[in-house]
Amino acid sequence: ASGTINNIKAMNWYRQAPEEQRELVATITSSGDTNYASSVKGRF
């Protein structure tokens, strides 16, 4: 990331497979809590 980013609630990774909708893969909140899609939990 470059530039100043304020008011961050969470940072996320999304992914989009061909011809599919974008899906949330992983989240980390400003406090450090994480969450994962069930399909990647334990691997990512």
PDB file of all heavy atoms in Angstrom:
ATOM      1  N   ALA A   1       0.834  -1.192   0.000  1.00  0.00           N
ATOM      2  CA  ALA A   1       0.000   0.000   0.000  1.00  0.00           C
ATOM      3  C   ALA A   1       0.869   1.243   0.000  1.00  0.00           C
ATOM      4  O   ALA A   1       1.839   1.338   0.747  1.00  0.00           O
ATOM      5  CB  ALA A   1      -0.928   0.014   1.208  1.00  0.00           C
ATOM      6  N   SER A   2       0.513   2.181  -0.838  1.00  0.00           N
ATOM      7  CA  SER A   2       1.164   3.480  -0.840  1.00  0.00           C
ATOM      8  C   SER A   2       0.118   4.554  -0.612  1.00  0.00           C
ATOM      9  O   SER A   2      -1.055   4.386  -0.944  1.00  0.00           O
ATOM     10  CB  SER A   2       1.911   3.717  -2.152  1.00  0.00           C
ATOM     11  OG  SER A   2       1.017   3.710  -3.257  1.00  0.00           O
ATOM     12  N   GLY A   3       0.556   5.668  -0.066  1.00  0.00           N
ATOM     13  CA  GLY A   3      -0.374   6.711   0.300  1.00  0.00           C
ATOM     14  C   GLY A   3      -0.960   6.450   1.676  1.00  0.00           C
ATOM     15  O   GLY A   3      -0.898   5.340   2.200  1.00  0.00           O
ATOM     16  N   THR A   4      -1.518   7.463   2.237  1.00  0.00           N
ATOM     17  CA  THR A   4      -2.094   7.372   3.569  1.00  0.00           C
ATOM     18  C   THR A   4      -3.524   6.860   3.486  1.00  0.00           C
ATOM     19  O   THR A   4      -4.358   7.441   2.793  1.00  0.00           O
ATOM     20  CB  THR A   4      -2.067   8.732   4.271  1.00  0.00           C
ATOM     21  OG1 THR A   4      -0.714   9.194   4.370  1.00  0.00           O
ATOM     22  CG2 THR A   4      -2.659   8.618   5.665  1.00  0.00           C
ATOM     23  N   ILE A   5      -3.780   5.791   4.207  1.00  0.00           N
ATOM     24  CA  ILE A   5      -5.112   5.210   4.272  1.00  0.00           C
ATOM     25  C   ILE A   5      -5.613   5.350   5.703  1.00  0.00           C
ATOM     26  O   ILE A   5      -5.031   4.780   6.622  1.00  0.00           O
ATOM     27  CB  ILE A   5      -5.120   3.741   3.849  1.00  0.00           C
ATOM     28  CG1 ILE A   5      -4.514   3.574   2.456  1.00  0.00           C
ATOM     29  CG2 ILE A   5      -6.539   3.195   3.891  1.00  0.00           C
ATOM     30  CD1 ILE A   5      -4.413   2.139   1.995  1.00  0.00           C
ATOM     31  N   ASN A   6      -6.667   6.087   5.868  1.00  0.00           N
ATOM     32  CA  ASN A   6      -7.233   6.270   7.200  1.00  0.00           C
ATOM     33  C   ASN A   6      -8.527   5.493   7.354  1.00  0.00           C
ATOM     34  O   ASN A   6      -9.101   5.007   6.383  1.00  0.00           O
ATOM     35  CB  ASN A   6      -7.449   7.749   7.504  1.00  0.00           C
ATOM     36  CG  ASN A   6      -8.278   8.459   6.453  1.00  0.00           C
ATOM     37  OD1 ASN A   6      -8.935   7.842   5.621  1.00  0.00           O
ATOM     38  ND2 ASN A   6      -8.254   9.782   6.492  1.00  0.00           N
ATOM     39  N   ASN A   7      -8.944   5.374   8.595  1.00  0.00           N
ATOM     40  CA  ASN A   7     -10.215   4.737   8.931  1.00  0.00           C
ATOM     41  C   ASN A   7     -10.307   3.300   8.440  1.00  0.00           C
ATOM     42  O   ASN A   7     -11.357   2.863   7.972  1.00  0.00           O
ATOM     43  CB  ASN A   7     -11.385   5.556   8.388  1.00  0.00           C
ATOM     44  CG  ASN A   7     -11.378   6.983   8.878  1.00  0.00           C
ATOM     45  OD1 ASN A   7     -11.072   7.912   8.135  1.00  0.00           O
ATOM     46  ND2 ASN A   7     -11.707   7.166  10.150  1.00  0.00           N
ATOM     47  N   ILE A   8      -9.222   2.573   8.559  1.00  0.00           N
ATOM     48  CA  ILE A   8      -9.222   1.180   8.136  1.00  0.00           C
ATOM     49  C   ILE A   8     -10.012   0.349   9.137  1.00  0.00           C
ATOM     50  O   ILE A   8      -9.696   0.322  10.323  1.00  0.00           O
ATOM     51  CB  ILE A   8      -7.801   0.630   8.000  1.00  0.00           C
ATOM     52  CG1 ILE A   8      -7.049   1.365   6.897  1.00  0.00           C
ATOM     53  CG2 ILE A   8      -7.842  -0.865   7.710  1.00  0.00           C
ATOM     54  CD1 ILE A   8      -5.594   0.954   6.782  1.00  0.00           C
ATOM     55  N   LYS A   9     -11.012  -0.342   8.635  1.00  0.00           N
ATOM     56  CA  LYS A   9     -11.770  -1.267   9.454  1.00  0.00           C
ATOM     57  C   LYS A   9     -11.212  -2.677   9.341  1.00  0.00           C
ATOM     58  O   LYS A   9     -11.114  -3.402  10.333  1.00  0.00           O
ATOM     59  CB  LYS A   9     -13.245  -1.252   9.067  1.00  0.00           C
ATOM     60  CG  LYS A   9     -14.121  -2.140   9.933  1.00  0.00           C
ATOM     61  CD  LYS A   9     -15.581  -2.017   9.551  1.00  0.00           C
ATOM     62  CE  LYS A   9     -16.456  -2.892  10.423  1.00  0.00           C
ATOM     63  NZ  LYS A   9     -17.879  -2.755  10.088  1.00  0.00           N
ATOM     64  N   ALA A  10     -10.871  -3.065   8.122  1.00  0.00           N
ATOM     65  CA  ALA A  10     -10.326  -4.386   7.881  1.00  0.00           C
ATOM     66  C   ALA A  10      -9.587  -4.383   6.557  1.00  0.00           C
ATOM     67  O   ALA A  10      -9.848  -3.554   5.686  1.00  0.00           O
ATOM     68  CB  ALA A  10     -11.426  -5.443   7.864  1.00  0.00           C
ATOM     69  N   MET A  11      -8.687  -5.314   6.425  1.00  0.00           N
ATOM     70  CA  MET A  11      -8.035  -5.564   5.154  1.00  0.00           C
ATOM     71  C   MET A  11      -8.374  -6.983   4.735  1.00  0.00           C
ATOM     72  O   MET A  11      -8.445  -7.884   5.577  1.00  0.00           O
ATOM     73  CB  MET A  11      -6.527  -5.358   5.249  1.00  0.00           C
ATOM     74  CG  MET A  11      -6.150  -3.953   5.678  1.00  0.00           C
ATOM     75  SD  MET A  11      -4.369  -3.621   5.601  1.00  0.00           S
ATOM     76  CE  MET A  11      -4.113  -3.567   3.825  1.00  0.00           C
ATOM     77  N   ASN A  12      -8.585  -7.149   3.461  1.00  0.00           N
ATOM     78  CA  ASN A  12      -9.132  -8.401   2.971  1.00  0.00           C
ATOM     79  C   ASN A  12      -8.415  -8.876   1.718  1.00  0.00           C
ATOM     80  O   ASN A  12      -7.832  -8.090   0.965  1.00  0.00           O
ATOM     81  CB  ASN A  12     -10.617  -8.243   2.614  1.00  0.00           C
ATOM     82  CG  ASN A  12     -11.421  -7.615   3.722  1.00  0.00           C
ATOM     83  OD1 ASN A  12     -11.690  -8.259   4.740  1.00  0.00           O
ATOM     84  ND2 ASN A  12     -11.810  -6.360   3.543  1.00  0.00           N
ATOM     85  N   TRP A  13      -8.488 -10.171   1.527  1.00  0.00           N
ATOM     86  CA  TRP A  13      -8.175 -10.772   0.249  1.00  0.00           C
ATOM     87  C   TRP A  13      -9.451 -11.346  -0.336  1.00  0.00           C
ATOM     88  O   TRP A  13     -10.156 -12.105   0.332  1.00  0.00           O
ATOM     89  CB  TRP A  13      -7.129 -11.879   0.382  1.00  0.00           C
ATOM     90  CG  TRP A  13      -5.744 -11.383   0.620  1.00  0.00           C
ATOM     91  CD1 TRP A  13      -5.091 -11.302   1.807  1.00  0.00           C
ATOM     92  CD2 TRP A  13      -4.836 -10.909  -0.379  1.00  0.00           C
ATOM     93  NE1 TRP A  13      -3.826 -10.806   1.623  1.00  0.00           N
ATOM     94  CE2 TRP A  13      -3.637 -10.555   0.293  1.00  0.00           C
ATOM     95  CE3 TRP A  13      -4.902 -10.756  -1.769  1.00  0.00           C
ATOM     96  CZ2 TRP A  13      -2.522 -10.051  -0.388  1.00  0.00           C
ATOM     97  CZ3 TRP A  13      -3.797 -10.254  -2.435  1.00  0.00           C
ATOM     98  CH2 TRP A  13      -2.632  -9.908  -1.746  1.00  0.00           C
ATOM     99  N   TYR A  14      -9.727 -10.961  -1.542  1.00  0.00           N
ATOM    100  CA  TYR A  14     -10.802 -11.533  -2.323  1.00  0.00           C
ATOM    101  C   TYR A  14     -10.202 -12.319  -3.478  1.00  0.00           C
ATOM    102  O   TYR A  14      -9.051 -12.133  -3.844  1.00  0.00           O
ATOM    103  CB  TYR A  14     -11.715 -10.449  -2.886  1.00  0.00           C
ATOM    104  CG  TYR A  14     -12.654  -9.802  -1.903  1.00  0.00           C
ATOM    105  CD1 TYR A  14     -12.209  -8.826  -1.026  1.00  0.00           C
ATOM    106  CD2 TYR A  14     -14.001 -10.147  -1.875  1.00  0.00           C
ATOM    107  CE1 TYR A  14     -13.074  -8.212  -0.134  1.00  0.00           C
ATOM    108  CE2 TYR A  14     -14.876  -9.538  -0.992  1.00  0.00           C
ATOM    109  CZ  TYR A  14     -14.405  -8.572  -0.125  1.00  0.00           C
ATOM    110  OH  TYR A  14     -15.285  -7.960   0.749  1.00  0.00           O
ATOM    111  N   ARG A  15     -11.014 -13.158  -4.072  1.00  0.00           N
ATOM    112  CA  ARG A  15     -10.586 -13.822  -5.288  1.00  0.00           C
ATOM    113  C   ARG A  15     -11.770 -13.965  -6.227  1.00  0.00           C
ATOM    114  O   ARG A  15     -12.919 -13.990  -5.802  1.00  0.00           O
ATOM    115  CB  ARG A  15      -9.963 -15.192  -5.010  1.00  0.00           C
ATOM    116  CG  ARG A  15     -10.928 -16.251  -4.513  1.00  0.00           C
ATOM    117  CD  ARG A  15     -10.174 -17.530  -4.156  1.00  0.00           C
ATOM    118  NE  ARG A  15     -11.064 -18.589  -3.701  1.00  0.00           N
ATOM    119  CZ  ARG A  15     -10.657 -19.725  -3.177  1.00  0.00           C
ATOM    120  NH1 ARG A  15      -9.349 -19.971  -3.041  1.00  0.00           N
ATOM    121  NH2 ARG A  15     -11.537 -20.647  -2.789  1.00  0.00           N
ATOM    122  N   GLN A  16     -11.445 -14.051  -7.485  1.00  0.00           N
ATOM    123  CA  GLN A  16     -12.470 -14.218  -8.495  1.00  0.00           C
ATOM    124  C   GLN A  16     -11.981 -15.228  -9.520  1.00  0.00           C
ATOM    125  O   GLN A  16     -11.013 -14.977 -10.238  1.00  0.00           O
ATOM    126  CB  GLN A  16     -12.809 -12.893  -9.167  1.00  0.00           C
ATOM    127  CG  GLN A  16     -13.991 -12.971 -10.108  1.00  0.00           C
ATOM    128  CD  GLN A  16     -14.501 -11.602 -10.503  1.00  0.00           C
ATOM    129  OE1 GLN A  16     -13.785 -10.610 -10.407  1.00  0.00           O
ATOM    130  NE2 GLN A  16     -15.743 -11.537 -10.942  1.00  0.00           N
ATOM    131  N   ALA A  17     -12.651 -16.352  -9.546  1.00  0.00           N
ATOM    132  CA  ALA A  17     -12.360 -17.379 -10.529  1.00  0.00           C
ATOM    133  C   ALA A  17     -13.041 -17.024 -11.840  1.00  0.00           C
ATOM    134  O   ALA A  17     -13.995 -16.232 -11.865  1.00  0.00           O
ATOM    135  CB  ALA A  17     -12.826 -18.741 -10.026  1.00  0.00           C
ATOM    136  N   PRO A  18     -12.582 -17.598 -12.935  1.00  0.00           N
ATOM    137  CA  PRO A  18     -13.194 -17.274 -14.228  1.00  0.00           C
ATOM    138  C   PRO A  18     -14.696 -17.516 -14.225  1.00  0.00           C
ATOM    139  O   PRO A  18     -15.168 -18.563 -13.776  1.00  0.00           O
ATOM    140  CB  PRO A  18     -12.481 -18.222 -15.191  1.00  0.00           C
ATOM    141  CG  PRO A  18     -11.156 -18.476 -14.552  1.00  0.00           C
ATOM    142  CD  PRO A  18     -11.436 -18.505 -13.076  1.00  0.00           C
ATOM    143  N   GLU A  19     -15.421 -16.545 -14.695  1.00  0.00           N
ATOM    144  CA  GLU A  19     -16.875 -16.618 -14.846  1.00  0.00           C
ATOM    145  C   GLU A  19     -17.618 -16.760 -13.525  1.00  0.00           C
ATOM    146  O   GLU A  19     -18.791 -17.141 -13.516  1.00  0.00           O
ATOM    147  CB  GLU A  19     -17.262 -17.765 -15.784  1.00  0.00           C
ATOM    148  CG  GLU A  19     -16.523 -17.763 -17.115  1.00  0.00           C
ATOM    149  CD  GLU A  19     -16.771 -16.500 -17.916  1.00  0.00           C
ATOM    150  OE1 GLU A  19     -17.895 -15.953 -17.825  1.00  0.00           O
ATOM    151  OE2 GLU A  19     -15.855 -16.058 -18.622  1.00  0.00           O
ATOM    152  N   GLU A  20     -16.964 -16.449 -12.433  1.00  0.00           N
ATOM    153  CA  GLU A  20     -17.604 -16.526 -11.133  1.00  0.00           C
ATOM    154  C   GLU A  20     -17.565 -15.172 -10.439  1.00  0.00           C
ATOM    155  O   GLU A  20     -16.814 -14.282 -10.822  1.00  0.00           O
ATOM    156  CB  GLU A  20     -16.939 -17.588 -10.259  1.00  0.00           C
ATOM    157  CG  GLU A  20     -17.055 -18.994 -10.800  1.00  0.00           C
ATOM    158  CD  GLU A  20     -16.493 -20.032  -9.853  1.00  0.00           C
ATOM    159  OE1 GLU A  20     -16.155 -19.678  -8.710  1.00  0.00           O
ATOM    160  OE2 GLU A  20     -16.401 -21.204 -10.265  1.00  0.00           O
ATOM    161  N   GLN A  21     -18.393 -15.041  -9.413  1.00  0.00           N
ATOM    162  CA  GLN A  21     -18.422 -13.820  -8.637  1.00  0.00           C
ATOM    163  C   GLN A  21     -17.209 -13.735  -7.722  1.00  0.00           C
ATOM    164  O   GLN A  21     -16.632 -14.747  -7.335  1.00  0.00           O
ATOM    165  CB  GLN A  21     -19.704 -13.738  -7.807  1.00  0.00           C
ATOM    166  CG  GLN A  21     -20.966 -13.568  -8.623  1.00  0.00           C
ATOM    167  CD  GLN A  21     -22.191 -13.376  -7.755  1.00  0.00           C
ATOM    168  OE1 GLN A  21     -22.233 -13.831  -6.616  1.00  0.00           O
ATOM    169  NE2 GLN A  21     -23.191 -12.702  -8.286  1.00  0.00           N
ATOM    170  N   ARG A  22     -16.863 -12.525  -7.395  1.00  0.00           N
ATOM    171  CA  ARG A  22     -15.776 -12.312  -6.466  1.00  0.00           C
ATOM    172  C   ARG A  22     -16.196 -12.755  -5.069  1.00  0.00           C
ATOM    173  O   ARG A  22     -17.303 -12.455  -4.617  1.00  0.00           O
ATOM    174  CB  ARG A  22     -15.380 -10.838  -6.463  1.00  0.00           C
ATOM    175  CG  ARG A  22     -14.112 -10.522  -5.712  1.00  0.00           C
ATOM    176  CD  ARG A  22     -13.670  -9.083  -5.981  1.00  0.00           C
ATOM    177  NE  ARG A  22     -13.382  -8.864  -7.397  1.00  0.00           N
ATOM    178  CZ  ARG A  22     -12.924  -7.726  -7.890  1.00  0.00           C
ATOM    179  NH1 ARG A  22     -12.700  -6.693  -7.091  1.00  0.00           N
ATOM    180  NH2 ARG A  22     -12.699  -7.612  -9.196  1.00  0.00           N
ATOM    181  N   GLU A  23     -15.310 -13.467  -4.395  1.00  0.00           N
ATOM    182  CA  GLU A  23     -15.614 -13.960  -3.065  1.00  0.00           C
ATOM    183  C   GLU A  23     -14.551 -13.530  -2.071  1.00  0.00           C
ATOM    184  O   GLU A  23     -13.373 -13.398  -2.411  1.00  0.00           O
ATOM    185  CB  GLU A  23     -15.753 -15.486  -3.059  1.00  0.00           C
ATOM    186  CG  GLU A  23     -14.473 -16.230  -3.380  1.00  0.00           C
ATOM    187  CD  GLU A  23     -14.593 -17.734  -3.197  1.00  0.00           C
ATOM    188  OE1 GLU A  23     -15.492 -18.173  -2.449  1.00  0.00           O
ATOM    189  OE2 GLU A  23     -13.783 -18.465  -3.806  1.00  0.00           O
ATOM    190  N   LEU A  24     -14.982 -13.347  -0.846  1.00  0.00           N
ATOM    191  CA  LEU A  24     -14.074 -12.994   0.235  1.00  0.00           C
ATOM    192  C   LEU A  24     -13.335 -14.237   0.697  1.00  0.00           C
ATOM    193  O   LEU A  24     -13.956 -15.243   1.043  1.00  0.00           O
ATOM    194  CB  LEU A  24     -14.849 -12.369   1.388  1.00  0.00           C
ATOM    195  CG  LEU A  24     -14.059 -11.975   2.633  1.00  0.00           C
ATOM    196  CD1 LEU A  24     -13.013 -10.922   2.300  1.00  0.00           C
ATOM    197  CD2 LEU A  24     -15.007 -11.465   3.713  1.00  0.00           C
ATOM    198  N   VAL A  25     -12.021 -14.152   0.729  1.00  0.00           N
ATOM    199  CA  VAL A  25     -11.184 -15.279   1.109  1.00  0.00           C
ATOM    200  C   VAL A  25     -10.708 -15.165   2.543  1.00  0.00           C
ATOM    201  O   VAL A  25     -10.771 -16.131   3.307  1.00  0.00           O
ATOM    202  CB  VAL A  25      -9.975 -15.400   0.167  1.00  0.00           C
ATOM    203  CG1 VAL A  25      -9.029 -16.504   0.637  1.00  0.00           C
ATOM    204  CG2 VAL A  25     -10.443 -15.660  -1.255  1.00  0.00           C
ATOM    205  N   ALA A  26     -10.211 -14.005   2.915  1.00  0.00           N
ATOM    206  CA  ALA A  26      -9.626 -13.829   4.239  1.00  0.00           C
ATOM    207  C   ALA A  26      -9.731 -12.385   4.660  1.00  0.00           C
ATOM    208  O   ALA A  26      -9.687 -11.469   3.828  1.00  0.00           O
ATOM    209  CB  ALA A  26      -8.166 -14.277   4.259  1.00  0.00           C
ATOM    210  N   THR A  27      -9.860 -12.178   5.950  1.00  0.00           N
ATOM    211  CA  THR A  27     -10.016 -10.857   6.531  1.00  0.00           C
ATOM    212  C   THR A  27      -9.110 -10.714   7.739  1.00  0.00           C
ATOM    213  O   THR A  27      -8.954 -11.655   8.522  1.00  0.00           O
ATOM    214  CB  THR A  27     -11.471 -10.628   6.978  1.00  0.00           C
ATOM    215  OG1 THR A  27     -12.329 -10.631   5.844  1.00  0.00           O
ATOM    216  CG2 THR A  27     -11.623  -9.295   7.710  1.00  0.00           C
ATOM    217  N   ILE A  28      -8.533  -9.556   7.884  1.00  0.00           N
ATOM    218  CA  ILE A  28      -7.865  -9.195   9.127  1.00  0.00           C
ATOM    219  C   ILE A  28      -8.346  -7.810   9.521  1.00  0.00           C
ATOM    220  O   ILE A  28      -8.278  -6.867   8.738  1.00  0.00           O
ATOM    221  CB  ILE A  28      -6.327  -9.274   9.012  1.00  0.00           C
ATOM    222  CG1 ILE A  28      -5.683  -8.980  10.367  1.00  0.00           C
ATOM    223  CG2 ILE A  28      -5.791  -8.371   7.919  1.00  0.00           C
ATOM    224  CD1 ILE A  28      -4.210  -9.367  10.427  1.00  0.00           C
ATOM    225  N   THR A  29      -8.865  -7.697  10.728  1.00  0.00           N
ATOM    226  CA  THR A  29      -9.402  -6.428  11.187  1.00  0.00           C
ATOM    227  C   THR A  29      -8.289  -5.530  11.696  1.00  0.00           C
ATOM    228  O   THR A  29      -7.137  -5.939  11.848  1.00  0.00           O
ATOM    229  CB  THR A  29     -10.428  -6.634  12.306  1.00  0.00           C
ATOM    230  OG1 THR A  29      -9.757  -7.086  13.494  1.00  0.00           O
ATOM    231  CG2 THR A  29     -11.477  -7.654  11.899  1.00  0.00           C
ATOM    232  N   SER A  30      -8.660  -4.306  11.979  1.00  0.00           N
ATOM    233  CA  SER A  30      -7.682  -3.355  12.493  1.00  0.00           C
ATOM    234  C   SER A  30      -7.114  -3.785  13.832  1.00  0.00           C
ATOM    235  O   SER A  30      -5.999  -3.384  14.190  1.00  0.00           O
ATOM    236  CB  SER A  30      -8.307  -1.967  12.613  1.00  0.00           C
ATOM    237  OG  SER A  30      -9.427  -1.984  13.476  1.00  0.00           O
ATOM    238  N   SER A  31      -7.851  -4.605  14.561  1.00  0.00           N
ATOM    239  CA  SER A  31      -7.385  -5.103  15.846  1.00  0.00           C
ATOM    240  C   SER A  31      -6.623  -6.421  15.733  1.00  0.00           C
ATOM    241  O   SER A  31      -6.143  -6.937  16.736  1.00  0.00           O
ATOM    242  CB  SER A  31      -8.553  -5.270  16.808  1.00  0.00           C
ATOM    243  OG  SER A  31      -9.500  -6.188  16.309  1.00  0.00           O
ATOM    244  N   GLY A  32      -6.548  -6.966  14.527  1.00  0.00           N
ATOM    245  CA  GLY A  32      -5.774  -8.165  14.308  1.00  0.00           C
ATOM    246  C   GLY A  32      -6.561  -9.457  14.248  1.00  0.00           C
ATOM    247  O   GLY A  32      -5.968 -10.523  14.058  1.00  0.00           O
ATOM    248  N   ASP A  33      -7.852  -9.392  14.408  1.00  0.00           N
ATOM    249  CA  ASP A  33      -8.672 -10.590  14.298  1.00  0.00           C
ATOM    250  C   ASP A  33      -8.744 -11.046  12.851  1.00  0.00           C
ATOM    251  O   ASP A  33      -8.817 -10.229  11.933  1.00  0.00           O
ATOM    252  CB  ASP A  33     -10.073 -10.333  14.825  1.00  0.00           C
ATOM    253  CG  ASP A  33     -10.099 -10.022  16.302  1.00  0.00           C
ATOM    254  OD1 ASP A  33      -9.243 -10.543  17.040  1.00  0.00           O
ATOM    255  OD2 ASP A  33     -10.979  -9.243  16.730  1.00  0.00           O
ATOM    256  N   THR A  34      -8.736 -12.339  12.654  1.00  0.00           N
ATOM    257  CA  THR A  34      -8.757 -12.898  11.309  1.00  0.00           C
ATOM    258  C   THR A  34      -9.960 -13.791  11.108  1.00  0.00           C
ATOM    259  O   THR A  34     -10.520 -14.350  12.056  1.00  0.00           O
ATOM    260  CB  THR A  34      -7.481 -13.699  11.017  1.00  0.00           C
ATOM    261  OG1 THR A  34      -7.359 -14.773  11.959  1.00  0.00           O
ATOM    262  CG2 THR A  34      -6.253 -12.810  11.117  1.00  0.00           C
ATOM    263  N   ASN A  35     -10.340 -13.927   9.866  1.00  0.00           N
ATOM    264  CA  ASN A  35     -11.426 -14.808   9.491  1.00  0.00           C
ATOM    265  C   ASN A  35     -11.159 -15.302   8.080  1.00  0.00           C
ATOM    266  O   ASN A  35     -10.527 -14.608   7.279  1.00  0.00           O
ATOM    267  CB  ASN A  35     -12.770 -14.095   9.575  1.00  0.00           C
ATOM    268  CG  ASN A  35     -13.939 -15.051   9.657  1.00  0.00           C
ATOM    269  OD1 ASN A  35     -13.769 -16.250   9.833  1.00  0.00           O
ATOM    270  ND2 ASN A  35     -15.144 -14.514   9.543  1.00  0.00           N
ATOM    271  N   TYR A  36     -11.653 -16.492   7.786  1.00  0.00           N
ATOM    272  CA  TYR A  36     -11.371 -17.130   6.515  1.00  0.00           C
ATOM    273  C   TYR A  36     -12.607 -17.791   5.951  1.00  0.00           C
ATOM    274  O   TYR A  36     -13.479 -18.259   6.685  1.00  0.00           O
ATOM    275  CB  TYR A  36     -10.286 -18.200   6.678  1.00  0.00           C
ATOM    276  CG  TYR A  36      -8.989 -17.674   7.222  1.00  0.00           C
ATOM    277  CD1 TYR A  36      -8.747 -17.639   8.585  1.00  0.00           C
ATOM    278  CD2 TYR A  36      -7.999 -17.206   6.358  1.00  0.00           C
ATOM    279  CE1 TYR A  36      -7.559 -17.146   9.085  1.00  0.00           C
ATOM    280  CE2 TYR A  36      -6.806 -16.716   6.853  1.00  0.00           C
ATOM    281  CZ  TYR A  36      -6.589 -16.686   8.218  1.00  0.00           C
ATOM    282  OH  TYR A  36      -5.400 -16.195   8.703  1.00  0.00           O
ATOM    283  N   ALA A  37     -12.648 -17.841   4.645  1.00  0.00           N
ATOM    284  CA  ALA A  37     -13.654 -18.647   3.994  1.00  0.00           C
ATOM    285  C   ALA A  37     -13.431 -20.110   4.356  1.00  0.00           C
ATOM    286  O   ALA A  37     -12.288 -20.555   4.527  1.00  0.00           O
ATOM    287  CB  ALA A  37     -13.596 -18.467   2.484  1.00  0.00           C
ATOM    288  N   SER A  38     -14.506 -20.844   4.487  1.00  0.00           N
ATOM    289  CA  SER A  38     -14.384 -22.237   4.890  1.00  0.00           C
ATOM    290  C   SER A  38     -13.522 -23.042   3.925  1.00  0.00           C
ATOM    291  O   SER A  38     -12.837 -23.987   4.325  1.00  0.00           O
ATOM    292  CB  SER A  38     -15.772 -22.873   5.019  1.00  0.00           C
ATOM    293  OG  SER A  38     -16.474 -22.835   3.792  1.00  0.00           O
ATOM    294  N   SER A  39     -13.527 -22.662   2.672  1.00  0.00           N
ATOM    295  CA  SER A  39     -12.789 -23.410   1.666  1.00  0.00           C
ATOM    296  C   SER A  39     -11.276 -23.283   1.815  1.00  0.00           C
ATOM    297  O   SER A  39     -10.535 -24.112   1.285  1.00  0.00           O
ATOM    298  CB  SER A  39     -13.206 -22.961   0.267  1.00  0.00           C
ATOM    299  OG  SER A  39     -12.984 -21.576   0.097  1.00  0.00           O
ATOM    300  N   VAL A  40     -10.821 -22.265   2.524  1.00  0.00           N
ATOM    301  CA  VAL A  40      -9.386 -22.050   2.666  1.00  0.00           C
ATOM    302  C   VAL A  40      -8.917 -22.140   4.106  1.00  0.00           C
ATOM    303  O   VAL A  40      -7.700 -22.111   4.356  1.00  0.00           O
ATOM    304  CB  VAL A  40      -8.946 -20.699   2.073  1.00  0.00           C
ATOM    305  CG1 VAL A  40      -9.437 -20.551   0.644  1.00  0.00           C
ATOM    306  CG2 VAL A  40      -9.442 -19.536   2.935  1.00  0.00           C
ATOM    307  N   LYS A  41      -9.830 -22.256   5.027  1.00  0.00           N
ATOM    308  CA  LYS A  41      -9.481 -22.295   6.439  1.00  0.00           C
ATOM    309  C   LYS A  41      -8.535 -23.458   6.716  1.00  0.00           C
ATOM    310  O   LYS A  41      -8.761 -24.585   6.292  1.00  0.00           O
ATOM    311  CB  LYS A  41     -10.736 -22.419   7.290  1.00  0.00           C
ATOM    312  CG  LYS A  41     -10.506 -22.211   8.781  1.00  0.00           C
ATOM    313  CD  LYS A  41     -11.825 -22.233   9.538  1.00  0.00           C
ATOM    314  CE  LYS A  41     -11.620 -21.993  11.024  1.00  0.00           C
ATOM    315  NZ  LYS A  41     -11.103 -20.627  11.273  1.00  0.00           N
ATOM    316  N   GLY A  42      -7.475 -23.167   7.434  1.00  0.00           N
ATOM    317  CA  GLY A  42      -6.462 -24.162   7.725  1.00  0.00           C
ATOM    318  C   GLY A  42      -5.356 -24.229   6.704  1.00  0.00           C
ATOM    319  O   GLY A  42      -4.314 -24.845   6.970  1.00  0.00           O
ATOM    320  N   ARG A  43      -5.559 -23.622   5.548  1.00  0.00           N
ATOM    321  CA  ARG A  43      -4.552 -23.630   4.498  1.00  0.00           C
ATOM    322  C   ARG A  43      -3.968 -22.246   4.231  1.00  0.00           C
ATOM    323  O   ARG A  43      -2.803 -22.126   3.862  1.00  0.00           O
ATOM    324  CB  ARG A  43      -5.135 -24.178   3.199  1.00  0.00           C
ATOM    325  CG  ARG A  43      -5.649 -25.605   3.312  1.00  0.00           C
ATOM    326  CD  ARG A  43      -6.052 -26.162   1.957  1.00  0.00           C
ATOM    327  NE  ARG A  43      -7.160 -25.411   1.371  1.00  0.00           N
ATOM    328  CZ  ARG A  43      -7.092 -24.755   0.218  1.00  0.00           C
ATOM    329  NH1 ARG A  43      -5.969 -24.750  -0.482  1.00  0.00           N
ATOM    330  NH2 ARG A  43      -8.155 -24.115  -0.249  1.00  0.00           N
ATOM    331  N   PHE A  44      -4.782 -21.223   4.396  1.00  0.00           N
ATOM    332  CA  PHE A  44      -4.356 -19.853   4.127  1.00  0.00           C
ATOM    333  C   PHE A  44      -4.192 -19.088   5.434  1.00  0.00           C
ATOM    334  O   PHE A  44      -4.919 -19.326   6.404  1.00  0.00           O
ATOM    335  CB  PHE A  44      -5.387 -19.115   3.266  1.00  0.00           C
ATOM    336  CG  PHE A  44      -5.488 -19.572   1.844  1.00  0.00           C
ATOM    337  CD1 PHE A  44      -4.882 -20.738   1.406  1.00  0.00           C
ATOM    338  CD2 PHE A  44      -6.210 -18.818   0.932  1.00  0.00           C
ATOM    339  CE1 PHE A  44      -4.984 -21.159   0.091  1.00  0.00           C
ATOM    340  CE2 PHE A  44      -6.322 -19.223  -0.386  1.00  0.00           C
ATOM    341  CZ  PHE A  44      -5.710 -20.389  -0.807  1.00  0.00           C
TER     342      PHE A  44
END
